[in-house]
Amino acid sequence: MTDVTVVAIIRQGITTVLTVAGPMLGIGMVVGLLVSIFQATTQIQEQTLTFIPKLLAIFFTLVLLGPWMLRVLVDFTTELFALLSQSGGW
């Protein structure tokens, strides 16, 4: 396995991680921003008010997008194992 192949695998791994984690991070950021605007407007500074909505939003995002995320990760892992077996890594 050459260093170019290793760099390509690392690049694909980072892209896969960002693709899988992106929706949950984006939803958490949007919900956090909306809660922050609500807190600034109403002057309610309760710490649990920021935690619970983000937790619920990320949970529901995981429930909705979980099968897609699992498929992306399984596809990446299958490609990685196929590449390792072709290159004589195993």
PDB file of N, CA and C in Angstrom:
ATOM      1  N   MET A   1       0.865  -1.173   0.000  1.00  0.00           N
ATOM      2  CA  MET A   1       0.000   0.000   0.000  1.00  0.00           C
ATOM      3  C   MET A   1       0.908   1.232   0.000  1.00  0.00           C
ATOM      4  N   THR A   2       0.681   2.116  -0.929  1.00  0.00           N
ATOM      5  CA  THR A   2       1.517   3.299  -1.044  1.00  0.00           C
ATOM      6  C   THR A   2       0.984   4.411  -0.154  1.00  0.00           C
ATOM      7  N   ASP A   3       1.807   5.430  -0.008  1.00  0.00           N
ATOM      8  CA  ASP A   3       1.392   6.558   0.822  1.00  0.00           C
ATOM      9  C   ASP A   3       0.243   7.339   0.185  1.00  0.00           C
ATOM     10  N   VAL A   4       0.135   7.310  -1.129  1.00  0.00           N
ATOM     11  CA  VAL A   4      -0.973   7.979  -1.811  1.00  0.00           C
ATOM     12  C   VAL A   4      -2.289   7.280  -1.472  1.00  0.00           C
ATOM     13  N   THR A   5      -2.253   5.962  -1.421  1.00  0.00           N
ATOM     14  CA  THR A   5      -3.448   5.196  -1.066  1.00  0.00           C
ATOM     15  C   THR A   5      -3.865   5.481   0.371  1.00  0.00           C
ATOM     16  N   VAL A   6      -2.894   5.543   1.265  1.00  0.00           N
ATOM     17  CA  VAL A   6      -3.192   5.816   2.671  1.00  0.00           C
ATOM     18  C   VAL A   6      -3.816   7.204   2.827  1.00  0.00           C
ATOM     19  N   VAL A   7      -3.276   8.185   2.128  1.00  0.00           N
ATOM     20  CA  VAL A   7      -3.830   9.539   2.193  1.00  0.00           C
ATOM     21  C   VAL A   7      -5.251   9.567   1.628  1.00  0.00           C
ATOM     22  N   ALA A   8      -5.495   8.817   0.556  1.00  0.00           N
ATOM     23  CA  ALA A   8      -6.842   8.751  -0.014  1.00  0.00           C
ATOM     24  C   ALA A   8      -7.821   8.100   0.956  1.00  0.00           C
ATOM     25  N   ILE A   9      -7.379   7.059   1.658  1.00  0.00           N
ATOM     26  CA  ILE A   9      -8.239   6.405   2.644  1.00  0.00           C
ATOM     27  C   ILE A   9      -8.539   7.349   3.800  1.00  0.00           C
ATOM     28  N   ILE A  10      -7.541   8.063   4.261  1.00  0.00           N
ATOM     29  CA  ILE A  10      -7.747   9.014   5.355  1.00  0.00           C
ATOM     30  C   ILE A  10      -8.700  10.125   4.922  1.00  0.00           C
ATOM     31  N   ARG A  11      -8.520  10.627   3.703  1.00  0.00           N
ATOM     32  CA  ARG A  11      -9.401  11.672   3.199  1.00  0.00           C
ATOM     33  C   ARG A  11     -10.842  11.171   3.102  1.00  0.00           C
ATOM     34  N   GLN A  12     -11.029   9.953   2.604  1.00  0.00           N
ATOM     35  CA  GLN A  12     -12.364   9.386   2.510  1.00  0.00           C
ATOM     36  C   GLN A  12     -12.956   9.147   3.900  1.00  0.00           C
ATOM     37  N   GLY A  13     -12.132   8.755   4.863  1.00  0.00           N
ATOM     38  CA  GLY A  13     -12.600   8.556   6.228  1.00  0.00           C
ATOM     39  C   GLY A  13     -13.064   9.855   6.867  1.00  0.00           C
ATOM     40  N   ILE A  14     -12.304  10.917   6.680  1.00  0.00           N
ATOM     41  CA  ILE A  14     -12.687  12.222   7.232  1.00  0.00           C
ATOM     42  C   ILE A  14     -13.965  12.723   6.571  1.00  0.00           C
ATOM     43  N   THR A  15     -14.074  12.539   5.261  1.00  0.00           N
ATOM     44  CA  THR A  15     -15.287  12.938   4.556  1.00  0.00           C
ATOM     45  C   THR A  15     -16.495  12.154   5.060  1.00  0.00           C
ATOM     46  N   THR A  16     -16.308  10.872   5.298  1.00  0.00           N
ATOM     47  CA  THR A  16     -17.398  10.038   5.810  1.00  0.00           C
ATOM     48  C   THR A  16     -17.821  10.489   7.203  1.00  0.00           C
ATOM     49  N   VAL A  17     -16.867  10.778   8.053  1.00  0.00           N
ATOM     50  CA  VAL A  17     -17.182  11.238   9.411  1.00  0.00           C
ATOM     51  C   VAL A  17     -17.947  12.557   9.369  1.00  0.00           C
ATOM     52  N   LEU A  18     -17.499  13.484   8.548  1.00  0.00           N
ATOM     53  CA  LEU A  18     -18.196  14.768   8.442  1.00  0.00           C
ATOM     54  C   LEU A  18     -19.589  14.606   7.838  1.00  0.00           C
ATOM     55  N   THR A  19     -19.733  13.697   6.883  1.00  0.00           N
ATOM     56  CA  THR A  19     -21.038  13.460   6.277  1.00  0.00           C
ATOM     57  C   THR A  19     -22.012  12.855   7.284  1.00  0.00           C
ATOM     58  N   VAL A  20     -21.528  11.937   8.099  1.00  0.00           N
ATOM     59  CA  VAL A  20     -22.399  11.272   9.065  1.00  0.00           C
ATOM     60  C   VAL A  20     -22.714  12.179  10.253  1.00  0.00           C
ATOM     61  N   ALA A  21     -21.736  12.906  10.745  1.00  0.00           N
ATOM     62  CA  ALA A  21     -21.939  13.742  11.933  1.00  0.00           C
ATOM     63  C   ALA A  21     -22.540  15.101  11.599  1.00  0.00           C
ATOM     64  N   GLY A  22     -22.447  15.525  10.351  1.00  0.00           N
ATOM     65  CA  GLY A  22     -22.917  16.853   9.952  1.00  0.00           C
ATOM     66  C   GLY A  22     -24.367  17.155  10.265  1.00  0.00           C
ATOM     67  N   PRO A  23     -25.294  16.273   9.923  1.00  0.00           N
ATOM     68  CA  PRO A  23     -26.689  16.585  10.217  1.00  0.00           C
ATOM     69  C   PRO A  23     -26.980  16.777  11.704  1.00  0.00           C
ATOM     70  N   MET A  24     -26.405  15.927  12.542  1.00  0.00           N
ATOM     71  CA  MET A  24     -26.648  16.066  13.979  1.00  0.00           C
ATOM     72  C   MET A  24     -26.021  17.339  14.528  1.00  0.00           C
ATOM     73  N   LEU A  25     -24.819  17.655  14.073  1.00  0.00           N
ATOM     74  CA  LEU A  25     -24.174  18.888  14.528  1.00  0.00           C
ATOM     75  C   LEU A  25     -24.927  20.121  14.039  1.00  0.00           C
ATOM     76  N   GLY A  26     -25.398  20.073  12.804  1.00  0.00           N
ATOM     77  CA  GLY A  26     -26.158  21.199  12.259  1.00  0.00           C
ATOM     78  C   GLY A  26     -27.461  21.428  13.006  1.00  0.00           C
ATOM     79  N   ILE A  27     -28.202  20.355  13.272  1.00  0.00           N
ATOM     80  CA  ILE A  27     -29.454  20.477  14.014  1.00  0.00           C
ATOM     81  C   ILE A  27     -29.188  20.986  15.421  1.00  0.00           C
ATOM     82  N   GLY A  28     -28.154  20.473  16.061  1.00  0.00           N
ATOM     83  CA  GLY A  28     -27.808  20.949  17.404  1.00  0.00           C
ATOM     84  C   GLY A  28     -27.446  22.424  17.409  1.00  0.00           C
ATOM     85  N   MET A  29     -26.747  22.869  16.376  1.00  0.00           N
ATOM     86  CA  MET A  29     -26.373  24.275  16.296  1.00  0.00           C
ATOM     87  C   MET A  29     -27.592  25.161  16.073  1.00  0.00           C
ATOM     88  N   VAL A  30     -28.487  24.752  15.189  1.00  0.00           N
ATOM     89  CA  VAL A  30     -29.686  25.548  14.909  1.00  0.00           C
ATOM     90  C   VAL A  30     -30.581  25.627  16.136  1.00  0.00           C
ATOM     91  N   VAL A  31     -30.791  24.495  16.804  1.00  0.00           N
ATOM     92  CA  VAL A  31     -31.630  24.493  18.005  1.00  0.00           C
ATOM     93  C   VAL A  31     -30.976  25.329  19.101  1.00  0.00           C
ATOM     94  N   GLY A  32     -29.671  25.219  19.258  1.00  0.00           N
ATOM     95  CA  GLY A  32     -28.973  26.038  20.246  1.00  0.00           C
ATOM     96  C   GLY A  32     -29.099  27.523  19.954  1.00  0.00           C
ATOM     97  N   LEU A  33     -29.022  27.897  18.693  1.00  0.00           N
ATOM     98  CA  LEU A  33     -29.176  29.298  18.319  1.00  0.00           C
ATOM     99  C   LEU A  33     -30.587  29.795  18.608  1.00  0.00           C
ATOM    100  N   LEU A  34     -31.589  28.975  18.274  1.00  0.00           N
ATOM    101  CA  LEU A  34     -32.976  29.374  18.546  1.00  0.00           C
ATOM    102  C   LEU A  34     -33.241  29.503  20.044  1.00  0.00           C
ATOM    103  N   VAL A  35     -32.702  28.593  20.836  1.00  0.00           N
ATOM    104  CA  VAL A  35     -32.884  28.672  22.286  1.00  0.00           C
ATOM    105  C   VAL A  35     -32.157  29.890  22.838  1.00  0.00           C
ATOM    106  N   SER A  36     -30.987  30.194  22.316  1.00  0.00           N
ATOM    107  CA  SER A  36     -30.251  31.375  22.764  1.00  0.00           C
ATOM    108  C   SER A  36     -31.001  32.663  22.446  1.00  0.00           C
ATOM    109  N   ILE A  37     -31.596  32.723  21.257  1.00  0.00           N
ATOM    110  CA  ILE A  37     -32.400  33.901  20.902  1.00  0.00           C
ATOM    111  C   ILE A  37     -33.604  34.009  21.835  1.00  0.00           C
ATOM    112  N   PHE A  38     -34.247  32.859  22.130  1.00  0.00           N
ATOM    113  CA  PHE A  38     -35.376  32.852  23.049  1.00  0.00           C
ATOM    114  C   PHE A  38     -34.950  33.317  24.440  1.00  0.00           C
ATOM    115  N   GLN A  39     -33.799  32.860  24.910  1.00  0.00           N
ATOM    116  CA  GLN A  39     -33.310  33.262  26.229  1.00  0.00           C
ATOM    117  C   GLN A  39     -32.965  34.741  26.270  1.00  0.00           C
ATOM    118  N   ALA A  40     -32.369  35.230  25.218  1.00  0.00           N
ATOM    119  CA  ALA A  40     -32.023  36.656  25.190  1.00  0.00           C
ATOM    120  C   ALA A  40     -33.271  37.523  25.134  1.00  0.00           C
ATOM    121  N   THR A  41     -34.289  37.042  24.452  1.00  0.00           N
ATOM    122  CA  THR A  41     -35.527  37.807  24.334  1.00  0.00           C
ATOM    123  C   THR A  41     -36.294  37.841  25.648  1.00  0.00           C
ATOM    124  N   THR A  42     -36.379  36.695  26.304  1.00  0.00           N
ATOM    125  CA  THR A  42     -37.181  36.613  27.522  1.00  0.00           C
ATOM    126  C   THR A  42     -36.369  36.818  28.792  1.00  0.00           C
ATOM    127  N   GLN A  43     -35.066  36.892  28.691  1.00  0.00           N
ATOM    128  CA  GLN A  43     -34.144  37.039  29.818  1.00  0.00           C
ATOM    129  C   GLN A  43     -34.248  35.882  30.798  1.00  0.00           C
ATOM    130  N   ILE A  44     -34.575  34.703  30.313  1.00  0.00           N
ATOM    131  CA  ILE A  44     -34.564  33.492  31.124  1.00  0.00           C
ATOM    132  C   ILE A  44     -33.187  32.857  30.940  1.00  0.00           C
ATOM    133  N   GLN A  45     -32.449  32.723  32.013  1.00  0.00           N
ATOM    134  CA  GLN A  45     -31.092  32.176  31.922  1.00  0.00           C
ATOM    135  C   GLN A  45     -30.997  30.831  32.635  1.00  0.00           C
ATOM    136  N   GLU A  46     -31.857  29.924  32.286  1.00  0.00           N
ATOM    137  CA  GLU A  46     -31.856  28.585  32.869  1.00  0.00           C
ATOM    138  C   GLU A  46     -30.947  27.680  32.031  1.00  0.00           C
ATOM    139  N   GLN A  47     -30.015  26.983  32.684  1.00  0.00           N
ATOM    140  CA  GLN A  47     -29.050  26.167  31.957  1.00  0.00           C
ATOM    141  C   GLN A  47     -29.690  24.936  31.316  1.00  0.00           C
ATOM    142  N   THR A  48     -30.689  24.367  31.972  1.00  0.00           N
ATOM    143  CA  THR A  48     -31.314  23.177  31.394  1.00  0.00           C
ATOM    144  C   THR A  48     -32.135  23.514  30.160  1.00  0.00           C
ATOM    145  N   LEU A  49     -32.513  24.768  30.015  1.00  0.00           N
ATOM    146  CA  LEU A  49     -33.286  25.173  28.845  1.00  0.00           C
ATOM    147  C   LEU A  49     -32.466  25.032  27.565  1.00  0.00           C
ATOM    148  N   THR A  50     -31.158  25.142  27.657  1.00  0.00           N
ATOM    149  CA  THR A  50     -30.316  24.956  26.469  1.00  0.00           C
ATOM    150  C   THR A  50     -30.002  23.489  26.222  1.00  0.00           C
ATOM    151  N   PHE A  51     -29.941  22.706  27.277  1.00  0.00           N
ATOM    152  CA  PHE A  51     -29.505  21.320  27.141  1.00  0.00           C
ATOM    153  C   PHE A  51     -30.604  20.400  26.622  1.00  0.00           C
ATOM    154  N   ILE A  52     -31.781  20.478  27.202  1.00  0.00           N
ATOM    155  CA  ILE A  52     -32.860  19.541  26.881  1.00  0.00           C
ATOM    156  C   ILE A  52     -33.319  19.647  25.424  1.00  0.00           C
ATOM    157  N   PRO A  53     -33.595  20.845  24.873  1.00  0.00           N
ATOM    158  CA  PRO A  53     -34.023  20.890  23.459  1.00  0.00           C
ATOM    159  C   PRO A  53     -32.964  20.369  22.486  1.00  0.00           C
ATOM    160  N   LYS A  54     -31.686  20.669  22.758  1.00  0.00           N
ATOM    161  CA  LYS A  54     -30.640  20.167  21.879  1.00  0.00           C
ATOM    162  C   LYS A  54     -30.545  18.648  21.966  1.00  0.00           C
ATOM    163  N   LEU A  55     -30.661  18.126  23.162  1.00  0.00           N
ATOM    164  CA  LEU A  55     -30.609  16.679  23.343  1.00  0.00           C
ATOM    165  C   LEU A  55     -31.751  15.991  22.605  1.00  0.00           C
ATOM    166  N   LEU A  56     -32.952  16.525  22.728  1.00  0.00           N
ATOM    167  CA  LEU A  56     -34.098  15.943  22.044  1.00  0.00           C
ATOM    168  C   LEU A  56     -33.981  16.066  20.524  1.00  0.00           C
ATOM    169  N   ALA A  57     -33.513  17.219  20.048  1.00  0.00           N
ATOM    170  CA  ALA A  57     -33.374  17.411  18.601  1.00  0.00           C
ATOM    171  C   ALA A  57     -32.338  16.458  18.014  1.00  0.00           C
ATOM    172  N   ILE A  58     -31.220  16.278  18.706  1.00  0.00           N
ATOM    173  CA  ILE A  58     -30.185  15.368  18.222  1.00  0.00           C
ATOM    174  C   ILE A  58     -30.685  13.925  18.282  1.00  0.00           C
ATOM    175  N   PHE A  59     -31.434  13.582  19.329  1.00  0.00           N
ATOM    176  CA  PHE A  59     -31.994  12.236  19.424  1.00  0.00           C
ATOM    177  C   PHE A  59     -32.947  11.954  18.267  1.00  0.00           C
ATOM    178  N   PHE A  60     -33.861  12.884  17.968  1.00  0.00           N
ATOM    179  CA  PHE A  60     -34.803  12.665  16.877  1.00  0.00           C
ATOM    180  C   PHE A  60     -34.101  12.652  15.516  1.00  0.00           C
ATOM    181  N   THR A  61     -33.049  13.447  15.373  1.00  0.00           N
ATOM    182  CA  THR A  61     -32.268  13.405  14.141  1.00  0.00           C
ATOM    183  C   THR A  61     -31.595  12.049  13.985  1.00  0.00           C
ATOM    184  N   LEU A  62     -31.085  11.525  15.085  1.00  0.00           N
ATOM    185  CA  LEU A  62     -30.462  10.201  15.043  1.00  0.00           C
ATOM    186  C   LEU A  62     -31.482   9.122  14.704  1.00  0.00           C
ATOM    187  N   VAL A  63     -32.677   9.231  15.248  1.00  0.00           N
ATOM    188  CA  VAL A  63     -33.725   8.250  14.946  1.00  0.00           C
ATOM    189  C   VAL A  63     -34.120   8.327  13.471  1.00  0.00           C
ATOM    190  N   LEU A  64     -34.275   9.545  12.944  1.00  0.00           N
ATOM    191  CA  LEU A  64     -34.696   9.699  11.555  1.00  0.00           C
ATOM    192  C   LEU A  64     -33.599   9.328  10.555  1.00  0.00           C
ATOM    193  N   LEU A  65     -32.364   9.736  10.843  1.00  0.00           N
ATOM    194  CA  LEU A  65     -31.279   9.529   9.878  1.00  0.00           C
ATOM    195  C   LEU A  65     -30.374   8.358  10.227  1.00  0.00           C
ATOM    196  N   GLY A  66     -30.701   7.624  11.286  1.00  0.00           N
ATOM    197  CA  GLY A  66     -29.865   6.506  11.727  1.00  0.00           C
ATOM    198  C   GLY A  66     -29.625   5.451  10.666  1.00  0.00           C
ATOM    199  N   PRO A  67     -30.666   4.984   9.978  1.00  0.00           N
ATOM    200  CA  PRO A  67     -30.422   3.968   8.938  1.00  0.00           C
ATOM    201  C   PRO A  67     -29.505   4.466   7.814  1.00  0.00           C
ATOM    202  N   TRP A  68     -29.675   5.705   7.421  1.00  0.00           N
ATOM    203  CA  TRP A  68     -28.801   6.274   6.381  1.00  0.00           C
ATOM    204  C   TRP A  68     -27.363   6.364   6.881  1.00  0.00           C
ATOM    205  N   MET A  69     -27.189   6.822   8.132  1.00  0.00           N
ATOM    206  CA  MET A  69     -25.846   6.930   8.704  1.00  0.00           C
ATOM    207  C   MET A  69     -25.180   5.566   8.791  1.00  0.00           C
ATOM    208  N   LEU A  70     -25.937   4.570   9.221  1.00  0.00           N
ATOM    209  CA  LEU A  70     -25.392   3.222   9.318  1.00  0.00           C
ATOM    210  C   LEU A  70     -24.997   2.688   7.947  1.00  0.00           C
ATOM    211  N   ARG A  71     -25.816   2.954   6.922  1.00  0.00           N
ATOM    212  CA  ARG A  71     -25.500   2.496   5.568  1.00  0.00           C
ATOM    213  C   ARG A  71     -24.217   3.150   5.056  1.00  0.00           C
ATOM    214  N   VAL A  72     -24.043   4.444   5.326  1.00  0.00           N
ATOM    215  CA  VAL A  72     -22.828   5.134   4.880  1.00  0.00           C
ATOM    216  C   VAL A  72     -21.600   4.543   5.567  1.00  0.00           C
ATOM    217  N   LEU A  73     -21.698   4.303   6.867  1.00  0.00           N
ATOM    218  CA  LEU A  73     -20.562   3.736   7.597  1.00  0.00           C
ATOM    219  C   LEU A  73     -20.257   2.305   7.173  1.00  0.00           C
ATOM    220  N   VAL A  74     -21.289   1.509   6.928  1.00  0.00           N
ATOM    221  CA  VAL A  74     -21.073   0.126   6.475  1.00  0.00           C
ATOM    222  C   VAL A  74     -20.459   0.120   5.082  1.00  0.00           C
ATOM    223  N   ASP A  75     -20.900   0.995   4.199  1.00  0.00           N
ATOM    224  CA  ASP A  75     -20.310   1.079   2.854  1.00  0.00           C
ATOM    225  C   ASP A  75     -18.833   1.457   2.926  1.00  0.00           C
ATOM    226  N   PHE A  76     -18.508   2.421   3.766  1.00  0.00           N
ATOM    227  CA  PHE A  76     -17.103   2.819   3.910  1.00  0.00           C
ATOM    228  C   PHE A  76     -16.268   1.668   4.458  1.00  0.00           C
ATOM    229  N   THR A  77     -16.783   0.979   5.469  1.00  0.00           N
ATOM    230  CA  THR A  77     -16.044  -0.128   6.060  1.00  0.00           C
ATOM    231  C   THR A  77     -15.871  -1.267   5.063  1.00  0.00           C
ATOM    232  N   THR A  78     -16.895  -1.557   4.279  1.00  0.00           N
ATOM    233  CA  THR A  78     -16.801  -2.610   3.267  1.00  0.00           C
ATOM    234  C   THR A  78     -15.745  -2.262   2.221  1.00  0.00           C
ATOM    235  N   GLU A  79     -15.754  -1.012   1.774  1.00  0.00           N
ATOM    236  CA  GLU A  79     -14.739  -0.578   0.802  1.00  0.00           C
ATOM    237  C   GLU A  79     -13.340  -0.664   1.396  1.00  0.00           C
ATOM    238  N   LEU A  80     -13.216  -0.296   2.664  1.00  0.00           N
ATOM    239  CA  LEU A  80     -11.905  -0.338   3.322  1.00  0.00           C
ATOM    240  C   LEU A  80     -11.397  -1.764   3.444  1.00  0.00           C
ATOM    241  N   PHE A  81     -12.256  -2.697   3.849  1.00  0.00           N
ATOM    242  CA  PHE A  81     -11.845  -4.095   3.955  1.00  0.00           C
ATOM    243  C   PHE A  81     -11.531  -4.687   2.587  1.00  0.00           C
ATOM    244  N   ALA A  82     -12.289  -4.310   1.572  1.00  0.00           N
ATOM    245  CA  ALA A  82     -12.004  -4.801   0.216  1.00  0.00           C
ATOM    246  C   ALA A  82     -10.649  -4.282  -0.257  1.00  0.00           C
ATOM    247  N   LEU A  83     -10.354  -3.035   0.035  1.00  0.00           N
ATOM    248  CA  LEU A  83      -9.070  -2.466  -0.359  1.00  0.00           C
ATOM    249  C   LEU A  83      -7.922  -3.135   0.383  1.00  0.00           C
ATOM    250  N   LEU A  84      -8.131  -3.420   1.655  1.00  0.00           N
ATOM    251  CA  LEU A  84      -7.094  -4.099   2.426  1.00  0.00           C
ATOM    252  C   LEU A  84      -6.848  -5.511   1.919  1.00  0.00           C
ATOM    253  N   SER A  85      -7.903  -6.221   1.564  1.00  0.00           N
ATOM    254  CA  SER A  85      -7.717  -7.585   1.080  1.00  0.00           C
ATOM    255  C   SER A  85      -7.061  -7.601  -0.307  1.00  0.00           C
ATOM    256  N   GLN A  86      -7.352  -6.594  -1.134  1.00  0.00           N
ATOM    257  CA  GLN A  86      -6.737  -6.504  -2.454  1.00  0.00           C
ATOM    258  C   GLN A  86      -5.256  -6.163  -2.366  1.00  0.00           C
ATOM    259  N   SER A  87      -4.910  -5.318  -1.405  1.00  0.00           N
ATOM    260  CA  SER A  87      -3.514  -4.879  -1.318  1.00  0.00           C
ATOM    261  C   SER A  87      -2.636  -5.845  -0.553  1.00  0.00           C
ATOM    262  N   GLY A  88      -3.230  -6.934  -0.037  1.00  0.00           N
ATOM    263  CA  GLY A  88      -2.437  -7.917   0.672  1.00  0.00           C
ATOM    264  C   GLY A  88      -2.214  -7.552   2.122  1.00  0.00           C
ATOM    265  N   GLY A  89      -3.045  -6.659   2.644  1.00  0.00           N
ATOM    266  CA  GLY A  89      -2.910  -6.249   4.044  1.00  0.00           C
ATOM    267  C   GLY A  89      -3.336  -7.341   4.994  1.00  0.00           C
ATOM    268  N   TRP A  90      -4.162  -8.309   4.490  1.00  0.00           N
ATOM    269  CA  TRP A  90      -4.613  -9.421   5.338  1.00  0.00           C
ATOM    270  C   TRP A  90      -4.257 -10.710   4.729  1.00  0.00           C
TER     271      TRP A  90
END
